[in-house]
């Protein structure tokens, strides 16, 4: 899933890391070799 805007939150379904976007540049977020899942919150 491509990062679209500042403030979006993403979680790794393998290790549980969570990130909040501070600068959107497109691209995708990857952790533990898998795309991170966008979460609400």
Protein backbone atom coordinates (compact mmCIF):
# COMPACT_ATOMS: atom_id res chain seq x y z
CA UNK A 1 0.00 0.00 0.00
CA UNK A 2 1.37 3.38 -1.01
CA UNK A 3 1.85 6.13 1.59
CA UNK A 4 -0.54 8.97 0.72
CA UNK A 5 -0.51 11.58 3.49
CA UNK A 6 1.06 12.76 6.74
CA UNK A 7 -0.47 11.22 9.86
CA UNK A 8 -1.27 7.80 8.40
CA UNK A 9 -0.42 4.87 10.69
CA UNK A 10 0.99 1.51 9.62
CA UNK A 11 1.62 -1.76 11.49
CA UNK A 12 3.79 -4.80 10.79
CA UNK A 13 1.67 -7.94 11.13
CA UNK A 14 4.78 -10.01 11.94
CA UNK A 15 6.60 -8.11 14.72
CA UNK A 16 4.04 -5.47 15.68
CA UNK A 17 6.09 -2.36 14.86
CA UNK A 18 3.91 0.69 14.25
CA UNK A 19 4.85 3.88 12.38
CA UNK A 20 3.23 7.27 11.83
CA UNK A 21 4.00 9.09 8.57
CA UNK A 22 5.68 12.47 9.13
CA UNK A 23 6.48 13.16 5.47
CA UNK A 24 4.66 11.49 2.56
CA UNK A 25 6.83 10.65 -0.41
CA UNK A 26 4.79 7.91 -2.10
CA UNK A 27 6.43 4.49 -1.95
CA UNK A 28 5.50 1.64 0.37
CA UNK A 29 6.53 0.79 3.92
CA UNK A 30 8.12 -2.64 4.46
CA UNK A 31 9.01 -4.43 7.71
CA UNK A 32 10.14 -8.04 8.21
CA UNK A 33 10.13 -8.43 4.42
CA UNK A 34 6.39 -7.71 4.10
CA UNK A 35 4.36 -4.59 3.27
CA UNK A 36 3.04 -2.89 6.40
CA UNK A 37 -0.74 -2.67 6.92
CA UNK A 38 -2.46 0.72 7.13
CA UNK A 39 -4.40 1.04 10.41
CA UNK A 40 -6.99 3.49 11.70
CA UNK A 41 -6.34 5.62 14.69
